[in-house]
Amino acid sequence: MYDRPLPCFGCGIGWCSLLLGFVFPPMWYYATILYFGNYYLRDPRERAGLAASAIAALICTIALLITLLAILL
């Protein structure tokens, strides 16, 4: 069942989103939606990349909140 290669040049949507997120951060949030929507049930090999993107989105959100609080206060 898992003999077919993963999408996005074989590294999977999650890892590709993680890498593209450094240039375009909304990709992390897209991967987070896929992660919480259980997209990895289609192919369990996607789980690690999607989780990594969700963690990157969390770190990005916290950094943005701290930056905004520092600017406003």
PDB file of N, CA and C in Angstrom:
ATOM      1  N   MET A   1       0.815  -1.187   0.000  1.00  0.00           N
ATOM      2  CA  MET A   1       0.000   0.000   0.000  1.00  0.00           C
ATOM      3  C   MET A   1       0.864   1.259   0.000  1.00  0.00           C
ATOM      4  N   TYR A   2       2.022   1.209   0.674  1.00  0.00           N
ATOM      5  CA  TYR A   2       2.862   2.394   0.775  1.00  0.00           C
ATOM      6  C   TYR A   2       4.069   2.329  -0.159  1.00  0.00           C
ATOM      7  N   ASP A   3       3.931   1.593  -1.247  1.00  0.00           N
ATOM      8  CA  ASP A   3       5.024   1.499  -2.202  1.00  0.00           C
ATOM      9  C   ASP A   3       5.135   2.744  -3.076  1.00  0.00           C
ATOM     10  N   ARG A   4       4.044   3.467  -3.210  1.00  0.00           N
ATOM     11  CA  ARG A   4       4.086   4.658  -4.063  1.00  0.00           C
ATOM     12  C   ARG A   4       4.879   5.759  -3.364  1.00  0.00           C
ATOM     13  N   PRO A   5       5.578   6.587  -4.135  1.00  0.00           N
ATOM     14  CA  PRO A   5       6.370   7.655  -3.514  1.00  0.00           C
ATOM     15  C   PRO A   5       5.469   8.744  -2.930  1.00  0.00           C
ATOM     16  N   LEU A   6       5.999   9.434  -1.960  1.00  0.00           N
ATOM     17  CA  LEU A   6       5.267  10.537  -1.343  1.00  0.00           C
ATOM     18  C   LEU A   6       5.205  11.722  -2.311  1.00  0.00           C
ATOM     19  N   PRO A   7       4.185  12.579  -2.161  1.00  0.00           N
ATOM     20  CA  PRO A   7       4.121  13.778  -3.009  1.00  0.00           C
ATOM     21  C   PRO A   7       5.228  14.767  -2.641  1.00  0.00           C
ATOM     22  N   CYS A   8       5.358  15.818  -3.386  1.00  0.00           N
ATOM     23  CA  CYS A   8       6.356  16.882  -3.152  1.00  0.00           C
ATOM     24  C   CYS A   8       7.779  16.341  -3.237  1.00  0.00           C
ATOM     25  N   PHE A   9       8.113  15.763  -4.356  1.00  0.00           N
ATOM     26  CA  PHE A   9       9.455  15.271  -4.639  1.00  0.00           C
ATOM     27  C   PHE A   9       9.895  14.150  -3.703  1.00  0.00           C
ATOM     28  N   GLY A  10       8.940  13.399  -3.186  1.00  0.00           N
ATOM     29  CA  GLY A  10       9.244  12.237  -2.373  1.00  0.00           C
ATOM     30  C   GLY A  10       9.466  12.494  -0.899  1.00  0.00           C
ATOM     31  N   CYS A  11       9.429  13.755  -0.481  1.00  0.00           N
ATOM     32  CA  CYS A  11       9.661  14.023   0.951  1.00  0.00           C
ATOM     33  C   CYS A  11       8.361  14.223   1.713  1.00  0.00           C
ATOM     34  N   GLY A  12       7.240  14.292   1.069  1.00  0.00           N
ATOM     35  CA  GLY A  12       5.953  14.417   1.738  1.00  0.00           C
ATOM     36  C   GLY A  12       5.504  15.859   1.881  1.00  0.00           C
ATOM     37  N   ILE A  13       4.214  16.030   2.074  1.00  0.00           N
ATOM     38  CA  ILE A  13       3.629  17.363   2.196  1.00  0.00           C
ATOM     39  C   ILE A  13       4.110  18.059   3.461  1.00  0.00           C
ATOM     40  N   GLY A  14       4.234  17.324   4.549  1.00  0.00           N
ATOM     41  CA  GLY A  14       4.642  17.919   5.822  1.00  0.00           C
ATOM     42  C   GLY A  14       6.048  18.489   5.782  1.00  0.00           C
ATOM     43  N   TRP A  15       7.001  17.700   5.308  1.00  0.00           N
ATOM     44  CA  TRP A  15       8.383  18.186   5.256  1.00  0.00           C
ATOM     45  C   TRP A  15       8.538  19.287   4.223  1.00  0.00           C
ATOM     46  N   CYS A  16       7.830  19.177   3.125  1.00  0.00           N
ATOM     47  CA  CYS A  16       7.882  20.227   2.109  1.00  0.00           C
ATOM     48  C   CYS A  16       7.294  21.525   2.669  1.00  0.00           C
ATOM     49  N   SER A  17       6.212  21.414   3.427  1.00  0.00           N
ATOM     50  CA  SER A  17       5.609  22.595   4.057  1.00  0.00           C
ATOM     51  C   SER A  17       6.551  23.194   5.089  1.00  0.00           C
ATOM     52  N   LEU A  18       7.264  22.342   5.810  1.00  0.00           N
ATOM     53  CA  LEU A  18       8.218  22.843   6.794  1.00  0.00           C
ATOM     54  C   LEU A  18       9.298  23.667   6.112  1.00  0.00           C
ATOM     55  N   LEU A  19       9.839  23.156   5.031  1.00  0.00           N
ATOM     56  CA  LEU A  19      10.901  23.875   4.332  1.00  0.00           C
ATOM     57  C   LEU A  19      10.383  25.147   3.673  1.00  0.00           C
ATOM     58  N   LEU A  20       9.232  25.071   3.026  1.00  0.00           N
ATOM     59  CA  LEU A  20       8.672  26.259   2.381  1.00  0.00           C
ATOM     60  C   LEU A  20       8.190  27.292   3.391  1.00  0.00           C
ATOM     61  N   GLY A  21       7.899  26.852   4.612  1.00  0.00           N
ATOM     62  CA  GLY A  21       7.433  27.755   5.642  1.00  0.00           C
ATOM     63  C   GLY A  21       8.460  28.788   6.056  1.00  0.00           C
ATOM     64  N   PHE A  22       9.729  28.503   5.866  1.00  0.00           N
ATOM     65  CA  PHE A  22      10.756  29.491   6.202  1.00  0.00           C
ATOM     66  C   PHE A  22      10.722  30.669   5.235  1.00  0.00           C
ATOM     67  N   VAL A  23      10.172  30.469   4.052  1.00  0.00           N
ATOM     68  CA  VAL A  23      10.007  31.543   3.076  1.00  0.00           C
ATOM     69  C   VAL A  23       8.601  32.119   3.145  1.00  0.00           C
ATOM     70  N   PHE A  24       7.611  31.247   3.355  1.00  0.00           N
ATOM     71  CA  PHE A  24       6.197  31.627   3.364  1.00  0.00           C
ATOM     72  C   PHE A  24       5.521  30.958   4.561  1.00  0.00           C
ATOM     73  N   PRO A  25       5.589  31.587   5.757  1.00  0.00           N
ATOM     74  CA  PRO A  25       5.109  30.957   6.995  1.00  0.00           C
ATOM     75  C   PRO A  25       3.675  30.423   6.995  1.00  0.00           C
ATOM     76  N   PRO A  26       2.737  30.953   6.206  1.00  0.00           N
ATOM     77  CA  PRO A  26       1.402  30.333   6.218  1.00  0.00           C
ATOM     78  C   PRO A  26       1.385  28.856   5.802  1.00  0.00           C
ATOM     79  N   MET A  27       2.445  28.382   5.176  1.00  0.00           N
ATOM     80  CA  MET A  27       2.523  26.957   4.839  1.00  0.00           C
ATOM     81  C   MET A  27       2.539  26.099   6.098  1.00  0.00           C
ATOM     82  N   TRP A  28       3.122  26.627   7.188  1.00  0.00           N
ATOM     83  CA  TRP A  28       3.128  25.884   8.448  1.00  0.00           C
ATOM     84  C   TRP A  28       1.710  25.724   8.969  1.00  0.00           C
ATOM     85  N   TYR A  29       0.909  26.770   8.819  1.00  0.00           N
ATOM     86  CA  TYR A  29      -0.464  26.705   9.315  1.00  0.00           C
ATOM     87  C   TYR A  29      -1.313  25.769   8.447  1.00  0.00           C
ATOM     88  N   TYR A  30      -1.023  25.743   7.154  1.00  0.00           N
ATOM     89  CA  TYR A  30      -1.705  24.801   6.254  1.00  0.00           C
ATOM     90  C   TYR A  30      -1.406  23.358   6.679  1.00  0.00           C
ATOM     91  N   ALA A  31      -0.135  23.071   6.966  1.00  0.00           N
ATOM     92  CA  ALA A  31       0.242  21.724   7.392  1.00  0.00           C
ATOM     93  C   ALA A  31      -0.355  21.391   8.763  1.00  0.00           C
ATOM     94  N   THR A  32      -0.490  22.399   9.625  1.00  0.00           N
ATOM     95  CA  THR A  32      -1.103  22.179  10.932  1.00  0.00           C
ATOM     96  C   THR A  32      -2.564  21.781  10.776  1.00  0.00           C
ATOM     97  N   ILE A  33      -3.264  22.431   9.865  1.00  0.00           N
ATOM     98  CA  ILE A  33      -4.663  22.073   9.594  1.00  0.00           C
ATOM     99  C   ILE A  33      -4.747  20.641   9.085  1.00  0.00           C
ATOM    100  N   LEU A  34      -3.819  20.268   8.204  1.00  0.00           N
ATOM    101  CA  LEU A  34      -3.799  18.878   7.717  1.00  0.00           C
ATOM    102  C   LEU A  34      -3.514  17.905   8.846  1.00  0.00           C
ATOM    103  N   TYR A  35      -2.618  18.273   9.752  1.00  0.00           N
ATOM    104  CA  TYR A  35      -2.254  17.393  10.871  1.00  0.00           C
ATOM    105  C   TYR A  35      -3.450  17.177  11.794  1.00  0.00           C
ATOM    106  N   PHE A  36      -4.114  18.265  12.172  1.00  0.00           N
ATOM    107  CA  PHE A  36      -5.257  18.126  13.076  1.00  0.00           C
ATOM    108  C   PHE A  36      -6.491  17.578  12.364  1.00  0.00           C
ATOM    109  N   GLY A  37      -6.478  17.595  11.039  1.00  0.00           N
ATOM    110  CA  GLY A  37      -7.555  16.987  10.266  1.00  0.00           C
ATOM    111  C   GLY A  37      -7.296  15.522   9.963  1.00  0.00           C
ATOM    112  N   ASN A  38      -6.254  14.956  10.598  1.00  0.00           N
ATOM    113  CA  ASN A  38      -5.896  13.542  10.454  1.00  0.00           C
ATOM    114  C   ASN A  38      -5.576  13.144   9.015  1.00  0.00           C
ATOM    115  N   TYR A  39      -4.918  14.036   8.284  1.00  0.00           N
ATOM    116  CA  TYR A  39      -4.495  13.717   6.921  1.00  0.00           C
ATOM    117  C   TYR A  39      -3.531  12.536   6.902  1.00  0.00           C
ATOM    118  N   TYR A  40      -2.760  12.365   7.979  1.00  0.00           N
ATOM    119  CA  TYR A  40      -1.757  11.307   8.026  1.00  0.00           C
ATOM    120  C   TYR A  40      -2.374   9.913   8.076  1.00  0.00           C
ATOM    121  N   LEU A  41      -3.684   9.811   8.265  1.00  0.00           N
ATOM    122  CA  LEU A  41      -4.314   8.482   8.232  1.00  0.00           C
ATOM    123  C   LEU A  41      -4.289   7.893   6.826  1.00  0.00           C
ATOM    124  N   ARG A  42      -4.220   8.756   5.811  1.00  0.00           N
ATOM    125  CA  ARG A  42      -4.081   8.261   4.432  1.00  0.00           C
ATOM    126  C   ARG A  42      -2.741   7.568   4.238  1.00  0.00           C
ATOM    127  N   ASP A  43      -1.697   8.178   4.810  1.00  0.00           N
ATOM    128  CA  ASP A  43      -0.346   7.637   4.682  1.00  0.00           C
ATOM    129  C   ASP A  43       0.425   7.994   5.958  1.00  0.00           C
ATOM    130  N   PRO A  44       0.688   7.029   6.823  1.00  0.00           N
ATOM    131  CA  PRO A  44       1.347   7.316   8.104  1.00  0.00           C
ATOM    132  C   PRO A  44       2.741   7.923   7.964  1.00  0.00           C
ATOM    133  N   ARG A  45       3.341   7.806   6.805  1.00  0.00           N
ATOM    134  CA  ARG A  45       4.672   8.389   6.612  1.00  0.00           C
ATOM    135  C   ARG A  45       4.636   9.911   6.652  1.00  0.00           C
ATOM    136  N   GLU A  46       3.454  10.506   6.510  1.00  0.00           N
ATOM    137  CA  GLU A  46       3.309  11.960   6.535  1.00  0.00           C
ATOM    138  C   GLU A  46       3.286  12.534   7.945  1.00  0.00           C
ATOM    139  N   ARG A  47       3.066  11.702   8.939  1.00  0.00           N
ATOM    140  CA  ARG A  47       2.820  12.185  10.306  1.00  0.00           C
ATOM    141  C   ARG A  47       3.973  13.022  10.871  1.00  0.00           C
ATOM    142  N   ALA A  48       5.198  12.587  10.723  1.00  0.00           N
ATOM    143  CA  ALA A  48       6.338  13.299  11.311  1.00  0.00           C
ATOM    144  C   ALA A  48       6.511  14.688  10.702  1.00  0.00           C
ATOM    145  N   GLY A  49       6.396  14.788   9.402  1.00  0.00           N
ATOM    146  CA  GLY A  49       6.548  16.091   8.744  1.00  0.00           C
ATOM    147  C   GLY A  49       5.432  17.054   9.108  1.00  0.00           C
ATOM    148  N   LEU A  50       4.215  16.548   9.181  1.00  0.00           N
ATOM    149  CA  LEU A  50       3.094  17.402   9.555  1.00  0.00           C
ATOM    150  C   LEU A  50       3.220  17.860  11.001  1.00  0.00           C
ATOM    151  N   ALA A  51       3.689  16.981  11.886  1.00  0.00           N
ATOM    152  CA  ALA A  51       3.894  17.359  13.289  1.00  0.00           C
ATOM    153  C   ALA A  51       4.999  18.408  13.401  1.00  0.00           C
ATOM    154  N   ALA A  52       6.058  18.260  12.633  1.00  0.00           N
ATOM    155  CA  ALA A  52       7.142  19.247  12.654  1.00  0.00           C
ATOM    156  C   ALA A  52       6.646  20.610  12.190  1.00  0.00           C
ATOM    157  N   SER A  53       5.798  20.622  11.188  1.00  0.00           N
ATOM    158  CA  SER A  53       5.233  21.883  10.711  1.00  0.00           C
ATOM    159  C   SER A  53       4.298  22.499  11.745  1.00  0.00           C
ATOM    160  N   ALA A  54       3.564  21.668  12.464  1.00  0.00           N
ATOM    161  CA  ALA A  54       2.684  22.179  13.518  1.00  0.00           C
ATOM    162  C   ALA A  54       3.506  22.808  14.642  1.00  0.00           C
ATOM    163  N   ILE A  55       4.627  22.206  14.986  1.00  0.00           N
ATOM    164  CA  ILE A  55       5.504  22.768  16.015  1.00  0.00           C
ATOM    165  C   ILE A  55       6.112  24.085  15.535  1.00  0.00           C
ATOM    166  N   ALA A  56       6.515  24.144  14.275  1.00  0.00           N
ATOM    167  CA  ALA A  56       7.054  25.388  13.716  1.00  0.00           C
ATOM    168  C   ALA A  56       5.992  26.491  13.725  1.00  0.00           C
ATOM    169  N   ALA A  57       4.744  26.146  13.438  1.00  0.00           N
ATOM    170  CA  ALA A  57       3.662  27.129  13.468  1.00  0.00           C
ATOM    171  C   ALA A  57       3.444  27.640  14.891  1.00  0.00           C
ATOM    172  N   LEU A  58       3.544  26.765  15.869  1.00  0.00           N
ATOM    173  CA  LEU A  58       3.391  27.168  17.265  1.00  0.00           C
ATOM    174  C   LEU A  58       4.511  28.127  17.677  1.00  0.00           C
ATOM    175  N   ILE A  59       5.735  27.800  17.334  1.00  0.00           N
ATOM    176  CA  ILE A  59       6.877  28.661  17.663  1.00  0.00           C
ATOM    177  C   ILE A  59       6.744  30.015  16.969  1.00  0.00           C
ATOM    178  N   CYS A  60       6.319  30.014  15.723  1.00  0.00           N
ATOM    179  CA  CYS A  60       6.127  31.252  14.973  1.00  0.00           C
ATOM    180  C   CYS A  60       5.042  32.107  15.623  1.00  0.00           C
ATOM    181  N   THR A  61       3.952  31.493  16.042  1.00  0.00           N
ATOM    182  CA  THR A  61       2.863  32.226  16.682  1.00  0.00           C
ATOM    183  C   THR A  61       3.318  32.845  17.998  1.00  0.00           C
ATOM    184  N   ILE A  62       4.048  32.097  18.803  1.00  0.00           N
ATOM    185  CA  ILE A  62       4.546  32.618  20.073  1.00  0.00           C
ATOM    186  C   ILE A  62       5.515  33.775  19.833  1.00  0.00           C
ATOM    187  N   ALA A  63       6.395  33.638  18.855  1.00  0.00           N
ATOM    188  CA  ALA A  63       7.336  34.708  18.535  1.00  0.00           C
ATOM    189  C   ALA A  63       6.610  35.963  18.071  1.00  0.00           C
ATOM    190  N   LEU A  64       5.568  35.799  17.263  1.00  0.00           N
ATOM    191  CA  LEU A  64       4.792  36.954  16.807  1.00  0.00           C
ATOM    192  C   LEU A  64       4.072  37.635  17.960  1.00  0.00           C
ATOM    193  N   LEU A  65       3.506  36.857  18.870  1.00  0.00           N
ATOM    194  CA  LEU A  65       2.812  37.437  20.021  1.00  0.00           C
ATOM    195  C   LEU A  65       3.776  38.195  20.926  1.00  0.00           C
ATOM    196  N   ILE A  66       4.943  37.647  21.186  1.00  0.00           N
ATOM    197  CA  ILE A  66       5.934  38.325  22.016  1.00  0.00           C
ATOM    198  C   ILE A  66       6.397  39.617  21.341  1.00  0.00           C
ATOM    199  N   THR A  67       6.616  39.560  20.031  1.00  0.00           N
ATOM    200  CA  THR A  67       7.031  40.749  19.296  1.00  0.00           C
ATOM    201  C   THR A  67       5.955  41.833  19.342  1.00  0.00           C
ATOM    202  N   LEU A  68       4.714  41.450  19.119  1.00  0.00           N
ATOM    203  CA  LEU A  68       3.622  42.419  19.164  1.00  0.00           C
ATOM    204  C   LEU A  68       3.443  43.022  20.559  1.00  0.00           C
ATOM    205  N   LEU A  69       3.577  42.211  21.590  1.00  0.00           N
ATOM    206  CA  LEU A  69       3.480  42.728  22.955  1.00  0.00           C
ATOM    207  C   LEU A  69       4.621  43.677  23.276  1.00  0.00           C
ATOM    208  N   ALA A  70       5.812  43.366  22.792  1.00  0.00           N
ATOM    209  CA  ALA A  70       6.969  44.241  23.037  1.00  0.00           C
ATOM    210  C   ALA A  70       6.803  45.580  22.319  1.00  0.00           C
ATOM    211  N   ILE A  71       6.232  45.559  21.142  1.00  0.00           N
ATOM    212  CA  ILE A  71       6.041  46.794  20.379  1.00  0.00           C
ATOM    213  C   ILE A  71       4.938  47.649  21.001  1.00  0.00           C
ATOM    214  N   LEU A  72       3.866  47.016  21.418  1.00  0.00           N
ATOM    215  CA  LEU A  72       2.716  47.750  21.949  1.00  0.00           C
ATOM    216  C   LEU A  72       2.930  48.251  23.374  1.00  0.00           C
ATOM    217  N   LEU A  73       3.774  47.593  24.136  1.00  0.00           N
ATOM    218  CA  LEU A  73       3.975  48.005  25.540  1.00  0.00           C
ATOM    219  C   LEU A  73       5.246  48.732  25.683  1.00  0.00           C
TER     220      LEU A  73
END
